[in-house]
Amino acid sequence: MSFLYLAALLVSLFGMVVLDRRYRLFFAKDARRAGIVLAVGILFFLAWDVAGIGLGIFFRGGSPLLTGIVLAPELPLEEVFFLALLCYVTMNAFAAARILLERRRA
């Protein structure tokens, strides 16, 4: 059992929090709205994963970097954190692009 990939995901998520707070991107502006958007994104992609697993498209694989903890057949614990990171990066990138475009227009 290895926690290396999970640790990397957590460090990356922490980095997103630091960027968000530093530049007031998404959660720092409206935590309630950002929490809803993040939860909806994670749930959407989890449903996508479950559908892909059910259709035999997605598989967990046998990486030694995973903890080995599965939430459902072929759905490792790390997937939830990866989806959170994916959604958070997108939220921060969207907010940063919006800020830069507003500054450019001014």
PDB file of N, CA and C in Angstrom:
ATOM      1  N   MET A   1       0.848  -1.175   0.000  1.00  0.00           N
ATOM      2  CA  MET A   1       0.000   0.000   0.000  1.00  0.00           C
ATOM      3  C   MET A   1       0.895   1.240   0.000  1.00  0.00           C
ATOM      4  N   SER A   2       0.623   2.126  -0.954  1.00  0.00           N
ATOM      5  CA  SER A   2       1.401   3.357  -1.070  1.00  0.00           C
ATOM      6  C   SER A   2       0.460   4.559  -1.067  1.00  0.00           C
ATOM      7  N   PHE A   3       0.866   5.582  -0.379  1.00  0.00           N
ATOM      8  CA  PHE A   3       0.068   6.803  -0.321  1.00  0.00           C
ATOM      9  C   PHE A   3       0.697   7.916  -1.171  1.00  0.00           C
ATOM     10  N   LEU A   4       1.639   7.553  -2.045  1.00  0.00           N
ATOM     11  CA  LEU A   4       2.373   8.547  -2.808  1.00  0.00           C
ATOM     12  C   LEU A   4       1.462   9.355  -3.732  1.00  0.00           C
ATOM     13  N   TYR A   5       0.613   8.697  -4.504  1.00  0.00           N
ATOM     14  CA  TYR A   5      -0.275   9.406  -5.428  1.00  0.00           C
ATOM     15  C   TYR A   5      -1.286  10.258  -4.667  1.00  0.00           C
ATOM     16  N   LEU A   6      -1.848   9.713  -3.605  1.00  0.00           N
ATOM     17  CA  LEU A   6      -2.797  10.466  -2.785  1.00  0.00           C
ATOM     18  C   LEU A   6      -2.111  11.694  -2.177  1.00  0.00           C
ATOM     19  N   ALA A   7      -0.890  11.529  -1.719  1.00  0.00           N
ATOM     20  CA  ALA A   7      -0.140  12.661  -1.155  1.00  0.00           C
ATOM     21  C   ALA A   7       0.101  13.726  -2.223  1.00  0.00           C
ATOM     22  N   ALA A   8       0.440  13.310  -3.430  1.00  0.00           N
ATOM     23  CA  ALA A   8       0.660  14.268  -4.518  1.00  0.00           C
ATOM     24  C   ALA A   8      -0.626  15.025  -4.839  1.00  0.00           C
ATOM     25  N   LEU A   9      -1.753  14.327  -4.825  1.00  0.00           N
ATOM     26  CA  LEU A   9      -3.035  14.988  -5.067  1.00  0.00           C
ATOM     27  C   LEU A   9      -3.354  16.002  -3.968  1.00  0.00           C
ATOM     28  N   LEU A  10      -3.090  15.628  -2.724  1.00  0.00           N
ATOM     29  CA  LEU A  10      -3.361  16.536  -1.608  1.00  0.00           C
ATOM     30  C   LEU A  10      -2.461  17.765  -1.648  1.00  0.00           C
ATOM     31  N   VAL A  11      -1.199  17.580  -2.004  1.00  0.00           N
ATOM     32  CA  VAL A  11      -0.283  18.713  -2.139  1.00  0.00           C
ATOM     33  C   VAL A  11      -0.763  19.632  -3.259  1.00  0.00           C
ATOM     34  N   SER A  12      -1.202  19.054  -4.354  1.00  0.00           N
ATOM     35  CA  SER A  12      -1.705  19.841  -5.483  1.00  0.00           C
ATOM     36  C   SER A  12      -2.971  20.599  -5.106  1.00  0.00           C
ATOM     37  N   LEU A  13      -3.862  19.948  -4.380  1.00  0.00           N
ATOM     38  CA  LEU A  13      -5.070  20.625  -3.909  1.00  0.00           C
ATOM     39  C   LEU A  13      -4.712  21.788  -2.983  1.00  0.00           C
ATOM     40  N   PHE A  14      -3.746  21.573  -2.115  1.00  0.00           N
ATOM     41  CA  PHE A  14      -3.286  22.644  -1.236  1.00  0.00           C
ATOM     42  C   PHE A  14      -2.753  23.820  -2.059  1.00  0.00           C
ATOM     43  N   GLY A  15      -2.030  23.508  -3.132  1.00  0.00           N
ATOM     44  CA  GLY A  15      -1.533  24.554  -4.017  1.00  0.00           C
ATOM     45  C   GLY A  15      -2.667  25.359  -4.639  1.00  0.00           C
ATOM     46  N   MET A  16      -3.755  24.686  -4.993  1.00  0.00           N
ATOM     47  CA  MET A  16      -4.917  25.381  -5.548  1.00  0.00           C
ATOM     48  C   MET A  16      -5.549  26.300  -4.501  1.00  0.00           C
ATOM     49  N   VAL A  17      -5.579  25.845  -3.254  1.00  0.00           N
ATOM     50  CA  VAL A  17      -6.122  26.665  -2.172  1.00  0.00           C
ATOM     51  C   VAL A  17      -5.260  27.908  -1.982  1.00  0.00           C
ATOM     52  N   VAL A  18      -3.947  27.737  -2.018  1.00  0.00           N
ATOM     53  CA  VAL A  18      -3.030  28.866  -1.853  1.00  0.00           C
ATOM     54  C   VAL A  18      -3.237  29.884  -2.979  1.00  0.00           C
ATOM     55  N   LEU A  19      -3.305  29.402  -4.225  1.00  0.00           N
ATOM     56  CA  LEU A  19      -3.535  30.311  -5.351  1.00  0.00           C
ATOM     57  C   LEU A  19      -4.884  31.010  -5.248  1.00  0.00           C
ATOM     58  N   ASP A  20      -5.889  30.250  -4.859  1.00  0.00           N
ATOM     59  CA  ASP A  20      -7.239  30.801  -4.720  1.00  0.00           C
ATOM     60  C   ASP A  20      -7.253  31.923  -3.688  1.00  0.00           C
ATOM     61  N   ARG A  21      -6.670  31.665  -2.538  1.00  0.00           N
ATOM     62  CA  ARG A  21      -6.662  32.684  -1.467  1.00  0.00           C
ATOM     63  C   ARG A  21      -5.803  33.885  -1.846  1.00  0.00           C
ATOM     64  N   ARG A  22      -4.656  33.620  -2.434  1.00  0.00           N
ATOM     65  CA  ARG A  22      -3.717  34.702  -2.776  1.00  0.00           C
ATOM     66  C   ARG A  22      -4.329  35.667  -3.783  1.00  0.00           C
ATOM     67  N   TYR A  23      -4.986  35.116  -4.809  1.00  0.00           N
ATOM     68  CA  TYR A  23      -5.516  35.950  -5.885  1.00  0.00           C
ATOM     69  C   TYR A  23      -7.035  36.108  -5.842  1.00  0.00           C
ATOM     70  N   ARG A  24      -7.653  35.644  -4.735  1.00  0.00           N
ATOM     71  CA  ARG A  24      -9.108  35.752  -4.565  1.00  0.00           C
ATOM     72  C   ARG A  24      -9.848  35.289  -5.816  1.00  0.00           C
ATOM     73  N   LEU A  25      -9.637  34.022  -6.175  1.00  0.00           N
ATOM     74  CA  LEU A  25     -10.162  33.515  -7.430  1.00  0.00           C
ATOM     75  C   LEU A  25     -11.597  33.000  -7.340  1.00  0.00           C
ATOM     76  N   PHE A  26     -11.826  31.982  -6.525  1.00  0.00           N
ATOM     77  CA  PHE A  26     -13.158  31.365  -6.563  1.00  0.00           C
ATOM     78  C   PHE A  26     -13.736  31.188  -5.162  1.00  0.00           C
ATOM     79  N   PHE A  27     -13.147  30.320  -4.367  1.00  0.00           N
ATOM     80  CA  PHE A  27     -13.632  30.132  -3.000  1.00  0.00           C
ATOM     81  C   PHE A  27     -13.474  31.413  -2.190  1.00  0.00           C
ATOM     82  N   ALA A  28     -12.403  32.128  -2.426  1.00  0.00           N
ATOM     83  CA  ALA A  28     -12.145  33.351  -1.665  1.00  0.00           C
ATOM     84  C   ALA A  28     -13.166  34.442  -1.970  1.00  0.00           C
ATOM     85  N   LYS A  29     -13.800  34.377  -3.127  1.00  0.00           N
ATOM     86  CA  LYS A  29     -14.813  35.371  -3.488  1.00  0.00           C
ATOM     87  C   LYS A  29     -16.191  34.995  -2.981  1.00  0.00           C
ATOM     88  N   ASP A  30     -16.568  33.725  -3.149  1.00  0.00           N
ATOM     89  CA  ASP A  30     -17.904  33.274  -2.737  1.00  0.00           C
ATOM     90  C   ASP A  30     -17.824  31.783  -2.406  1.00  0.00           C
ATOM     91  N   ALA A  31     -17.517  31.489  -1.149  1.00  0.00           N
ATOM     92  CA  ALA A  31     -17.276  30.110  -0.728  1.00  0.00           C
ATOM     93  C   ALA A  31     -18.502  29.209  -0.926  1.00  0.00           C
ATOM     94  N   ARG A  32     -19.687  29.745  -0.678  1.00  0.00           N
ATOM     95  CA  ARG A  32     -20.903  28.938  -0.821  1.00  0.00           C
ATOM     96  C   ARG A  32     -21.111  28.515  -2.272  1.00  0.00           C
ATOM     97  N   ARG A  33     -21.041  29.470  -3.179  1.00  0.00           N
ATOM     98  CA  ARG A  33     -21.216  29.165  -4.594  1.00  0.00           C
ATOM     99  C   ARG A  33     -20.111  28.230  -5.081  1.00  0.00           C
ATOM    100  N   ALA A  34     -18.878  28.487  -4.688  1.00  0.00           N
ATOM    101  CA  ALA A  34     -17.753  27.658  -5.109  1.00  0.00           C
ATOM    102  C   ALA A  34     -17.908  26.228  -4.591  1.00  0.00           C
ATOM    103  N   GLY A  35     -18.368  26.082  -3.351  1.00  0.00           N
ATOM    104  CA  GLY A  35     -18.589  24.744  -2.798  1.00  0.00           C
ATOM    105  C   GLY A  35     -19.641  23.967  -3.572  1.00  0.00           C
ATOM    106  N   ILE A  36     -20.688  24.657  -3.969  1.00  0.00           N
ATOM    107  CA  ILE A  36     -21.741  24.009  -4.755  1.00  0.00           C
ATOM    108  C   ILE A  36     -21.207  23.592  -6.122  1.00  0.00           C
ATOM    109  N   VAL A  37     -20.486  24.495  -6.777  1.00  0.00           N
ATOM    110  CA  VAL A  37     -19.919  24.189  -8.091  1.00  0.00           C
ATOM    111  C   VAL A  37     -18.954  23.018  -7.999  1.00  0.00           C
ATOM    112  N   LEU A  38     -18.105  23.016  -6.981  1.00  0.00           N
ATOM    113  CA  LEU A  38     -17.142  21.934  -6.804  1.00  0.00           C
ATOM    114  C   LEU A  38     -17.857  20.613  -6.553  1.00  0.00           C
ATOM    115  N   ALA A  39     -18.850  20.608  -5.680  1.00  0.00           N
ATOM    116  CA  ALA A  39     -19.589  19.375  -5.373  1.00  0.00           C
ATOM    117  C   ALA A  39     -20.309  18.843  -6.605  1.00  0.00           C
ATOM    118  N   VAL A  40     -20.959  19.720  -7.355  1.00  0.00           N
ATOM    119  CA  VAL A  40     -21.666  19.299  -8.569  1.00  0.00           C
ATOM    120  C   VAL A  40     -20.677  18.720  -9.582  1.00  0.00           C
ATOM    121  N   GLY A  41     -19.526  19.363  -9.726  1.00  0.00           N
ATOM    122  CA  GLY A  41     -18.514  18.857 -10.657  1.00  0.00           C
ATOM    123  C   GLY A  41     -18.014  17.485 -10.262  1.00  0.00           C
ATOM    124  N   ILE A  42     -17.706  17.300  -8.989  1.00  0.00           N
ATOM    125  CA  ILE A  42     -17.216  16.003  -8.519  1.00  0.00           C
ATOM    126  C   ILE A  42     -18.297  14.933  -8.708  1.00  0.00           C
ATOM    127  N   LEU A  43     -19.526  15.250  -8.348  1.00  0.00           N
ATOM    128  CA  LEU A  43     -20.615  14.271  -8.509  1.00  0.00           C
ATOM    129  C   LEU A  43     -20.851  13.927  -9.974  1.00  0.00           C
ATOM    130  N   PHE A  44     -20.775  14.924 -10.852  1.00  0.00           N
ATOM    131  CA  PHE A  44     -20.936  14.660 -12.288  1.00  0.00           C
ATOM    132  C   PHE A  44     -19.867  13.685 -12.772  1.00  0.00           C
ATOM    133  N   PHE A  45     -18.611  13.968 -12.439  1.00  0.00           N
ATOM    134  CA  PHE A  45     -17.538  13.107 -12.917  1.00  0.00           C
ATOM    135  C   PHE A  45     -17.528  11.743 -12.231  1.00  0.00           C
ATOM    136  N   LEU A  46     -17.993  11.672 -10.987  1.00  0.00           N
ATOM    137  CA  LEU A  46     -18.139  10.352 -10.353  1.00  0.00           C
ATOM    138  C   LEU A  46     -19.205   9.535 -11.070  1.00  0.00           C
ATOM    139  N   ALA A  47     -20.311  10.179 -11.444  1.00  0.00           N
ATOM    140  CA  ALA A  47     -21.351   9.478 -12.212  1.00  0.00           C
ATOM    141  C   ALA A  47     -20.789   9.024 -13.552  1.00  0.00           C
ATOM    142  N   TRP A  48     -19.985   9.877 -14.174  1.00  0.00           N
ATOM    143  CA  TRP A  48     -19.332   9.538 -15.437  1.00  0.00           C
ATOM    144  C   TRP A  48     -18.438   8.310 -15.244  1.00  0.00           C
ATOM    145  N   ASP A  49     -17.646   8.296 -14.173  1.00  0.00           N
ATOM    146  CA  ASP A  49     -16.777   7.164 -13.876  1.00  0.00           C
ATOM    147  C   ASP A  49     -17.566   5.892 -13.638  1.00  0.00           C
ATOM    148  N   VAL A  50     -18.634   6.002 -12.857  1.00  0.00           N
ATOM    149  CA  VAL A  50     -19.453   4.817 -12.559  1.00  0.00           C
ATOM    150  C   VAL A  50     -20.057   4.264 -13.850  1.00  0.00           C
ATOM    151  N   ALA A  51     -20.519   5.144 -14.726  1.00  0.00           N
ATOM    152  CA  ALA A  51     -21.062   4.700 -16.010  1.00  0.00           C
ATOM    153  C   ALA A  51     -19.972   4.015 -16.838  1.00  0.00           C
ATOM    154  N   GLY A  52     -18.792   4.621 -16.875  1.00  0.00           N
ATOM    155  CA  GLY A  52     -17.684   4.020 -17.625  1.00  0.00           C
ATOM    156  C   GLY A  52     -17.251   2.680 -17.052  1.00  0.00           C
ATOM    157  N   ILE A  53     -17.262   2.568 -15.741  1.00  0.00           N
ATOM    158  CA  ILE A  53     -16.923   1.299 -15.096  1.00  0.00           C
ATOM    159  C   ILE A  53     -17.989   0.256 -15.427  1.00  0.00           C
ATOM    160  N   GLY A  54     -19.254   0.664 -15.344  1.00  0.00           N
ATOM    161  CA  GLY A  54     -20.348  -0.251 -15.644  1.00  0.00           C
ATOM    162  C   GLY A  54     -20.322  -0.751 -17.076  1.00  0.00           C
ATOM    163  N   LEU A  55     -19.858   0.091 -17.994  1.00  0.00           N
ATOM    164  CA  LEU A  55     -19.769  -0.290 -19.408  1.00  0.00           C
ATOM    165  C   LEU A  55     -18.471  -1.039 -19.728  1.00  0.00           C
ATOM    166  N   GLY A  56     -17.615  -1.183 -18.729  1.00  0.00           N
ATOM    167  CA  GLY A  56     -16.361  -1.892 -18.937  1.00  0.00           C
ATOM    168  C   GLY A  56     -15.297  -1.062 -19.632  1.00  0.00           C
ATOM    169  N   ILE A  57     -15.448   0.258 -19.616  1.00  0.00           N
ATOM    170  CA  ILE A  57     -14.493   1.150 -20.281  1.00  0.00           C
ATOM    171  C   ILE A  57     -13.357   1.546 -19.335  1.00  0.00           C
ATOM    172  N   PHE A  58     -13.701   1.841 -18.076  1.00  0.00           N
ATOM    173  CA  PHE A  58     -12.704   2.290 -17.105  1.00  0.00           C
ATOM    174  C   PHE A  58     -12.309   1.143 -16.183  1.00  0.00           C
ATOM    175  N   PHE A  59     -10.999   1.071 -15.912  1.00  0.00           N
ATOM    176  CA  PHE A  59     -10.462   0.076 -14.997  1.00  0.00           C
ATOM    177  C   PHE A  59      -9.496   0.743 -14.041  1.00  0.00           C
ATOM    178  N   ARG A  60      -9.381   0.186 -12.860  1.00  0.00           N
ATOM    179  CA  ARG A  60      -8.506   0.756 -11.832  1.00  0.00           C
ATOM    180  C   ARG A  60      -7.047   0.594 -12.184  1.00  0.00           C
ATOM    181  N   GLY A  61      -6.651  -0.486 -12.745  1.00  0.00           N
ATOM    182  CA  GLY A  61      -5.241  -0.732 -13.020  1.00  0.00           C
ATOM    183  C   GLY A  61      -4.534  -1.233 -11.776  1.00  0.00           C
ATOM    184  N   GLY A  62      -3.268  -1.490 -11.892  1.00  0.00           N
ATOM    185  CA  GLY A  62      -2.531  -2.064 -10.771  1.00  0.00           C
ATOM    186  C   GLY A  62      -1.328  -1.245 -10.367  1.00  0.00           C
ATOM    187  N   SER A  63      -1.455   0.053 -10.303  1.00  0.00           N
ATOM    188  CA  SER A  63      -0.329   0.902  -9.964  1.00  0.00           C
ATOM    189  C   SER A  63       0.107   0.699  -8.522  1.00  0.00           C
ATOM    190  N   PRO A  64       1.401   0.587  -8.290  1.00  0.00           N
ATOM    191  CA  PRO A  64       1.905   0.479  -6.915  1.00  0.00           C
ATOM    192  C   PRO A  64       1.820   1.803  -6.153  1.00  0.00           C
ATOM    193  N   LEU A  65       1.430   2.893  -6.827  1.00  0.00           N
ATOM    194  CA  LEU A  65       1.345   4.202  -6.183  1.00  0.00           C
ATOM    195  C   LEU A  65       0.007   4.432  -5.501  1.00  0.00           C
ATOM    196  N   LEU A  66      -0.959   3.543  -5.733  1.00  0.00           N
ATOM    197  CA  LEU A  66      -2.292   3.692  -5.143  1.00  0.00           C
ATOM    198  C   LEU A  66      -2.346   3.069  -3.756  1.00  0.00           C
ATOM    199  N   THR A  67      -3.286   3.553  -2.941  1.00  0.00           N
ATOM    200  CA  THR A  67      -3.427   3.022  -1.584  1.00  0.00           C
ATOM    201  C   THR A  67      -4.007   1.612  -1.581  1.00  0.00           C
ATOM    202  N   GLY A  68      -4.774   1.288  -2.606  1.00  0.00           N
ATOM    203  CA  GLY A  68      -5.453  -0.010  -2.638  1.00  0.00           C
ATOM    204  C   GLY A  68      -6.848   0.065  -2.053  1.00  0.00           C
ATOM    205  N   ILE A  69      -7.219   1.222  -1.523  1.00  0.00           N
ATOM    206  CA  ILE A  69      -8.561   1.419  -0.973  1.00  0.00           C
ATOM    207  C   ILE A  69      -9.504   1.731  -2.132  1.00  0.00           C
ATOM    208  N   VAL A  70     -10.566   0.944  -2.254  1.00  0.00           N
ATOM    209  CA  VAL A  70     -11.537   1.169  -3.323  1.00  0.00           C
ATOM    210  C   VAL A  70     -12.885   1.529  -2.713  1.00  0.00           C
ATOM    211  N   LEU A  71     -13.546   2.504  -3.310  1.00  0.00           N
ATOM    212  CA  LEU A  71     -14.855   2.946  -2.843  1.00  0.00           C
ATOM    213  C   LEU A  71     -15.966   2.114  -3.457  1.00  0.00           C
ATOM    214  N   ALA A  72     -15.687   1.576  -4.620  1.00  0.00           N
ATOM    215  CA  ALA A  72     -16.586   0.685  -5.352  1.00  0.00           C
ATOM    216  C   ALA A  72     -15.693  -0.123  -6.282  1.00  0.00           C
ATOM    217  N   PRO A  73     -16.213  -1.172  -6.877  1.00  0.00           N
ATOM    218  CA  PRO A  73     -15.365  -1.928  -7.802  1.00  0.00           C
ATOM    219  C   PRO A  73     -14.770  -1.023  -8.882  1.00  0.00           C
ATOM    220  N   GLU A  74     -13.465  -1.074  -9.036  1.00  0.00           N
ATOM    221  CA  GLU A  74     -12.715  -0.295 -10.019  1.00  0.00           C
ATOM    222  C   GLU A  74     -12.691   1.207  -9.747  1.00  0.00           C
ATOM    223  N   LEU A  75     -13.102   1.648  -8.549  1.00  0.00           N
ATOM    224  CA  LEU A  75     -13.115   3.078  -8.216  1.00  0.00           C
ATOM    225  C   LEU A  75     -12.229   3.315  -6.989  1.00  0.00           C
ATOM    226  N   PRO A  76     -10.959   3.671  -7.229  1.00  0.00           N
ATOM    227  CA  PRO A  76     -10.040   3.884  -6.095  1.00  0.00           C
ATOM    228  C   PRO A  76     -10.335   5.187  -5.356  1.00  0.00           C
ATOM    229  N   LEU A  77      -9.950   5.228  -4.122  1.00  0.00           N
ATOM    230  CA  LEU A  77     -10.103   6.417  -3.276  1.00  0.00           C
ATOM    231  C   LEU A  77      -9.503   7.648  -3.943  1.00  0.00           C
ATOM    232  N   GLU A  78      -8.368   7.485  -4.561  1.00  0.00           N
ATOM    233  CA  GLU A  78      -7.655   8.610  -5.166  1.00  0.00           C
ATOM    234  C   GLU A  78      -8.476   9.302  -6.254  1.00  0.00           C
ATOM    235  N   GLU A  79      -9.391   8.591  -6.875  1.00  0.00           N
ATOM    236  CA  GLU A  79     -10.191   9.170  -7.948  1.00  0.00           C
ATOM    237  C   GLU A  79     -11.004  10.369  -7.479  1.00  0.00           C
ATOM    238  N   VAL A  80     -11.541  10.294  -6.274  1.00  0.00           N
ATOM    239  CA  VAL A  80     -12.325  11.409  -5.737  1.00  0.00           C
ATOM    240  C   VAL A  80     -11.444  12.649  -5.587  1.00  0.00           C
ATOM    241  N   PHE A  81     -10.242  12.471  -5.089  1.00  0.00           N
ATOM    242  CA  PHE A  81      -9.327  13.597  -4.919  1.00  0.00           C
ATOM    243  C   PHE A  81      -8.839  14.123  -6.265  1.00  0.00           C
ATOM    244  N   PHE A  82      -8.637  13.221  -7.219  1.00  0.00           N
ATOM    245  CA  PHE A  82      -8.264  13.657  -8.564  1.00  0.00           C
ATOM    246  C   PHE A  82      -9.381  14.496  -9.180  1.00  0.00           C
ATOM    247  N   LEU A  83     -10.618  14.052  -9.036  1.00  0.00           N
ATOM    248  CA  LEU A  83     -11.746  14.805  -9.586  1.00  0.00           C
ATOM    249  C   LEU A  83     -11.898  16.160  -8.895  1.00  0.00           C
ATOM    250  N   ALA A  84     -11.658  16.197  -7.599  1.00  0.00           N
ATOM    251  CA  ALA A  84     -11.696  17.473  -6.878  1.00  0.00           C
ATOM    252  C   ALA A  84     -10.624  18.412  -7.419  1.00  0.00           C
ATOM    253  N   LEU A  85      -9.430  17.886  -7.651  1.00  0.00           N
ATOM    254  CA  LEU A  85      -8.348  18.699  -8.200  1.00  0.00           C
ATOM    255  C   LEU A  85      -8.699  19.172  -9.607  1.00  0.00           C
ATOM    256  N   LEU A  86      -9.217  18.300 -10.424  1.00  0.00           N
ATOM    257  CA  LEU A  86      -9.607  18.651 -11.786  1.00  0.00           C
ATOM    258  C   LEU A  86     -10.619  19.798 -11.789  1.00  0.00           C
ATOM    259  N   CYS A  87     -11.626  19.676 -10.954  1.00  0.00           N
ATOM    260  CA  CYS A  87     -12.659  20.716 -10.877  1.00  0.00           C
ATOM    261  C   CYS A  87     -12.101  22.015 -10.303  1.00  0.00           C
ATOM    262  N   TYR A  88     -11.283  21.920  -9.274  1.00  0.00           N
ATOM    263  CA  TYR A  88     -10.730  23.119  -8.630  1.00  0.00           C
ATOM    264  C   TYR A  88      -9.791  23.873  -9.581  1.00  0.00           C
ATOM    265  N   VAL A  89      -8.955  23.131 -10.318  1.00  0.00           N
ATOM    266  CA  VAL A  89      -8.065  23.766 -11.298  1.00  0.00           C
ATOM    267  C   VAL A  89      -8.897  24.509 -12.338  1.00  0.00           C
ATOM    268  N   THR A  90      -9.959  23.873 -12.803  1.00  0.00           N
ATOM    269  CA  THR A  90     -10.823  24.504 -13.801  1.00  0.00           C
ATOM    270  C   THR A  90     -11.484  25.751 -13.242  1.00  0.00           C
ATOM    271  N   MET A  91     -11.978  25.673 -12.012  1.00  0.00           N
ATOM    272  CA  MET A  91     -12.621  26.825 -11.374  1.00  0.00           C
ATOM    273  C   MET A  91     -11.627  27.983 -11.232  1.00  0.00           C
ATOM    274  N   ASN A  92     -10.424  27.680 -10.768  1.00  0.00           N
ATOM    275  CA  ASN A  92      -9.419  28.727 -10.601  1.00  0.00           C
ATOM    276  C   ASN A  92      -8.984  29.303 -11.943  1.00  0.00           C
ATOM    277  N   ALA A  93      -8.815  28.457 -12.939  1.00  0.00           N
ATOM    278  CA  ALA A  93      -8.405  28.931 -14.262  1.00  0.00           C
ATOM    279  C   ALA A  93      -9.482  29.836 -14.866  1.00  0.00           C
ATOM    280  N   PHE A  94     -10.740  29.445 -14.717  1.00  0.00           N
ATOM    281  CA  PHE A  94     -11.841  30.256 -15.230  1.00  0.00           C
ATOM    282  C   PHE A  94     -11.870  31.618 -14.537  1.00  0.00           C
ATOM    283  N   ALA A  95     -11.743  31.608 -13.220  1.00  0.00           N
ATOM    284  CA  ALA A  95     -11.768  32.861 -12.461  1.00  0.00           C
ATOM    285  C   ALA A  95     -10.572  33.737 -12.813  1.00  0.00           C
ATOM    286  N   ALA A  96      -9.396  33.138 -12.958  1.00  0.00           N
ATOM    287  CA  ALA A  96      -8.203  33.911 -13.307  1.00  0.00           C
ATOM    288  C   ALA A  96      -8.342  34.512 -14.702  1.00  0.00           C
ATOM    289  N   ALA A  97      -8.867  33.744 -15.646  1.00  0.00           N
ATOM    290  CA  ALA A  97      -9.071  34.254 -17.006  1.00  0.00           C
ATOM    291  C   ALA A  97     -10.058  35.414 -17.002  1.00  0.00           C
ATOM    292  N   ARG A  98     -11.095  35.286 -16.213  1.00  0.00           N
ATOM    293  CA  ARG A  98     -12.094  36.360 -16.118  1.00  0.00           C
ATOM    294  C   ARG A  98     -11.451  37.643 -15.561  1.00  0.00           C
ATOM    295  N   ILE A  99     -10.652  37.505 -14.509  1.00  0.00           N
ATOM    296  CA  ILE A  99      -9.982  38.660 -13.909  1.00  0.00           C
ATOM    297  C   ILE A  99      -9.036  39.308 -14.919  1.00  0.00           C
ATOM    298  N   LEU A 100      -8.251  38.497 -15.620  1.00  0.00           N
ATOM    299  CA  LEU A 100      -7.309  39.037 -16.595  1.00  0.00           C
ATOM    300  C   LEU A 100      -8.031  39.738 -17.741  1.00  0.00           C
ATOM    301  N   LEU A 101      -9.126  39.175 -18.212  1.00  0.00           N
ATOM    302  CA  LEU A 101      -9.893  39.821 -19.281  1.00  0.00           C
ATOM    303  C   LEU A 101     -10.515  41.135 -18.825  1.00  0.00           C
ATOM    304  N   GLU A 102     -10.997  41.171 -17.592  1.00  0.00           N
ATOM    305  CA  GLU A 102     -11.565  42.419 -17.053  1.00  0.00           C
ATOM    306  C   GLU A 102     -10.487  43.495 -16.924  1.00  0.00           C
ATOM    307  N   ARG A 103      -9.306  43.107 -16.491  1.00  0.00           N
ATOM    308  CA  ARG A 103      -8.201  44.064 -16.370  1.00  0.00           C
ATOM    309  C   ARG A 103      -7.769  44.577 -17.746  1.00  0.00           C
ATOM    310  N   ARG A 104      -7.780  43.684 -18.706  1.00  0.00           N
ATOM    311  CA  ARG A 104      -7.375  44.061 -20.063  1.00  0.00           C
ATOM    312  C   ARG A 104      -8.344  45.065 -20.673  1.00  0.00           C
ATOM    313  N   ARG A 105      -9.627  44.878 -20.393  1.00  0.00           N
ATOM    314  CA  ARG A 105     -10.658  45.777 -20.921  1.00  0.00           C
ATOM    315  C   ARG A 105     -10.583  47.170 -20.279  1.00  0.00           C
ATOM    316  N   ALA A 106     -10.141  47.204 -19.023  1.00  0.00           N
ATOM    317  CA  ALA A 106     -10.117  48.481 -18.284  1.00  0.00           C
ATOM    318  C   ALA A 106      -8.959  49.373 -18.692  1.00  0.00           C
TER     319      ALA A 106
END
